[in-house]
């Protein structure tokens, strides 16, 4: 199985998507920081070598 991630194509960073409370808080912070950027939900395999994990 290939997990889904949310990636910012402008900044070359991504977050893992999950339904936990902490995951939702991280996604909200990610969306706030990358508002106006090209953000897309993709499979991890598509970006694994090109993007790095987002750290708030």
N, C-alpha and C. Protein backbone atom coordinates (compact mmCIF):
# COMPACT_ATOMS: atom_id res chain seq x y z
N UNK A 1 0.84 -1.19 0.00
CA UNK A 1 0.00 0.00 0.00
C UNK A 1 0.88 1.25 0.00
N UNK A 2 0.45 2.22 -0.74
CA UNK A 2 1.21 3.47 -0.86
C UNK A 2 0.44 4.58 -0.15
N UNK A 3 0.99 5.12 0.94
CA UNK A 3 0.24 6.14 1.71
C UNK A 3 0.09 7.45 0.94
N UNK A 4 -0.96 8.16 1.28
CA UNK A 4 -1.19 9.48 0.69
C UNK A 4 -0.53 10.55 1.53
N UNK A 5 0.01 11.54 0.86
CA UNK A 5 0.63 12.68 1.52
C UNK A 5 0.11 13.95 0.87
N UNK A 6 0.22 15.05 1.58
CA UNK A 6 -0.11 16.36 1.02
C UNK A 6 1.22 17.06 0.77
N UNK A 7 1.43 17.46 -0.48
CA UNK A 7 2.71 18.04 -0.89
C UNK A 7 2.54 19.47 -1.38
N UNK A 8 3.50 20.32 -1.01
CA UNK A 8 3.58 21.67 -1.54
C UNK A 8 4.64 21.66 -2.64
N UNK A 9 4.20 21.89 -3.87
CA UNK A 9 5.11 21.83 -5.01
C UNK A 9 6.02 23.05 -5.08
N UNK A 10 5.64 24.15 -4.43
CA UNK A 10 6.50 25.34 -4.43
C UNK A 10 7.69 25.14 -3.49
N UNK A 11 7.44 24.60 -2.30
CA UNK A 11 8.47 24.48 -1.27
C UNK A 11 9.13 23.11 -1.22
N UNK A 12 8.59 22.14 -1.97
CA UNK A 12 9.14 20.78 -2.02
C UNK A 12 9.12 20.10 -0.65
N UNK A 13 8.01 20.25 0.08
CA UNK A 13 7.83 19.59 1.37
C UNK A 13 6.49 18.86 1.36
N UNK A 14 6.34 17.90 2.29
CA UNK A 14 5.09 17.15 2.38
C UNK A 14 4.77 16.81 3.82
N UNK A 15 3.51 16.44 4.06
CA UNK A 15 3.09 15.90 5.35
C UNK A 15 2.35 14.60 5.08
N UNK A 16 2.42 13.69 6.04
CA UNK A 16 1.65 12.46 5.97
C UNK A 16 0.23 12.76 6.39
N UNK A 17 -0.73 12.19 5.70
CA UNK A 17 -2.13 12.41 6.03
C UNK A 17 -2.62 11.29 6.94
N UNK A 18 -3.18 11.65 8.09
CA UNK A 18 -3.82 10.68 8.95
C UNK A 18 -4.96 11.36 9.69
N UNK A 19 -5.82 10.57 10.29
CA UNK A 19 -7.05 11.09 10.89
C UNK A 19 -6.89 11.42 12.37
N UNK A 20 -5.69 11.31 12.92
CA UNK A 20 -5.50 11.59 14.34
C UNK A 20 -5.62 13.10 14.62
N UNK A 21 -5.83 13.43 15.87
CA UNK A 21 -5.94 14.84 16.26
C UNK A 21 -4.65 15.59 15.94
N UNK A 22 -3.52 14.97 16.25
CA UNK A 22 -2.22 15.60 15.98
C UNK A 22 -2.02 15.79 14.47
N UNK A 23 -2.45 14.79 13.69
CA UNK A 23 -2.34 14.88 12.24
C UNK A 23 -3.19 15.99 11.67
N UNK A 24 -4.37 16.18 12.24
CA UNK A 24 -5.25 17.25 11.77
C UNK A 24 -4.68 18.62 12.12
N UNK A 25 -4.07 18.74 13.31
CA UNK A 25 -3.44 20.01 13.69
C UNK A 25 -2.26 20.32 12.77
N UNK A 26 -1.47 19.31 12.45
CA UNK A 26 -0.33 19.50 11.56
C UNK A 26 -0.80 19.89 10.16
N UNK A 27 -1.86 19.25 9.69
CA UNK A 27 -2.38 19.58 8.37
C UNK A 27 -2.91 21.02 8.33
N UNK A 28 -3.55 21.46 9.39
CA UNK A 28 -4.05 22.84 9.45
C UNK A 28 -2.88 23.84 9.42
N UNK A 29 -1.82 23.54 10.17
CA UNK A 29 -0.63 24.41 10.16
C UNK A 29 0.03 24.42 8.79
N UNK A 30 0.09 23.26 8.16
CA UNK A 30 0.67 23.14 6.82
C UNK A 30 -0.13 23.97 5.82
N UNK A 31 -1.46 23.82 5.88
CA UNK A 31 -2.33 24.57 4.96
C UNK A 31 -2.20 26.08 5.16
N UNK A 32 -2.06 26.49 6.41
CA UNK A 32 -1.92 27.91 6.71
C UNK A 32 -0.60 28.46 6.15
N UNK A 33 0.47 27.71 6.37
CA UNK A 33 1.80 28.15 5.92
C UNK A 33 1.90 28.16 4.39
N UNK A 34 1.24 27.22 3.74
CA UNK A 34 1.39 27.06 2.30
C UNK A 34 0.17 27.54 1.52
N UNK A 35 -0.63 28.40 2.12
CA UNK A 35 -1.79 28.99 1.45
C UNK A 35 -1.30 29.78 0.23
N UNK A 36 -1.95 29.57 -0.88
CA UNK A 36 -1.56 30.26 -2.11
C UNK A 36 -0.51 29.51 -2.91
N UNK A 37 0.02 28.43 -2.36
CA UNK A 37 1.00 27.61 -3.08
C UNK A 37 0.28 26.50 -3.82
N UNK A 38 0.99 25.82 -4.69
CA UNK A 38 0.43 24.67 -5.39
C UNK A 38 0.53 23.45 -4.46
N UNK A 39 -0.59 23.10 -3.81
CA UNK A 39 -0.63 21.99 -2.86
C UNK A 39 -1.54 20.91 -3.44
N UNK A 40 -1.10 19.65 -3.29
CA UNK A 40 -1.85 18.55 -3.88
C UNK A 40 -1.68 17.30 -3.02
N UNK A 41 -2.72 16.47 -2.97
CA UNK A 41 -2.63 15.16 -2.31
C UNK A 41 -2.14 14.17 -3.36
N UNK A 42 -1.03 13.49 -3.04
CA UNK A 42 -0.40 12.56 -3.98
C UNK A 42 0.03 11.30 -3.23
N UNK A 43 0.41 10.28 -3.96
CA UNK A 43 0.97 9.09 -3.34
C UNK A 43 2.43 9.36 -2.99
N UNK A 44 2.87 8.81 -1.86
CA UNK A 44 4.22 9.05 -1.38
C UNK A 44 5.27 8.65 -2.42
N UNK A 45 5.03 7.57 -3.14
CA UNK A 45 6.01 7.09 -4.13
C UNK A 45 6.32 8.14 -5.20
N UNK A 46 5.37 9.02 -5.47
CA UNK A 46 5.58 10.03 -6.51
C UNK A 46 6.59 11.10 -6.11
N UNK A 47 6.76 11.32 -4.80
CA UNK A 47 7.60 12.45 -4.35
C UNK A 47 8.73 12.04 -3.42
N UNK A 48 8.86 10.76 -3.10
CA UNK A 48 9.75 10.32 -2.02
C UNK A 48 11.20 10.76 -2.17
N UNK A 49 11.70 10.84 -3.37
CA UNK A 49 13.11 11.21 -3.57
C UNK A 49 13.32 12.70 -3.81
N UNK A 50 12.23 13.43 -4.03
CA UNK A 50 12.35 14.83 -4.43
C UNK A 50 11.95 15.81 -3.33
N UNK A 51 11.10 15.39 -2.39
CA UNK A 51 10.55 16.28 -1.38
C UNK A 51 11.01 15.83 0.00
N UNK A 52 10.98 16.74 0.97
CA UNK A 52 11.33 16.36 2.33
C UNK A 52 10.15 16.59 3.26
N UNK A 53 10.18 15.93 4.40
CA UNK A 53 9.11 16.00 5.37
C UNK A 53 9.03 17.40 5.98
N UNK A 54 7.83 17.95 6.04
CA UNK A 54 7.59 19.27 6.61
C UNK A 54 7.73 19.21 8.12
N UNK A 55 8.45 20.16 8.69
CA UNK A 55 8.57 20.30 10.15
C UNK A 55 8.18 21.70 10.52
N UNK A 56 7.10 21.85 11.29
CA UNK A 56 6.60 23.21 11.64
C UNK A 56 7.56 23.98 12.52
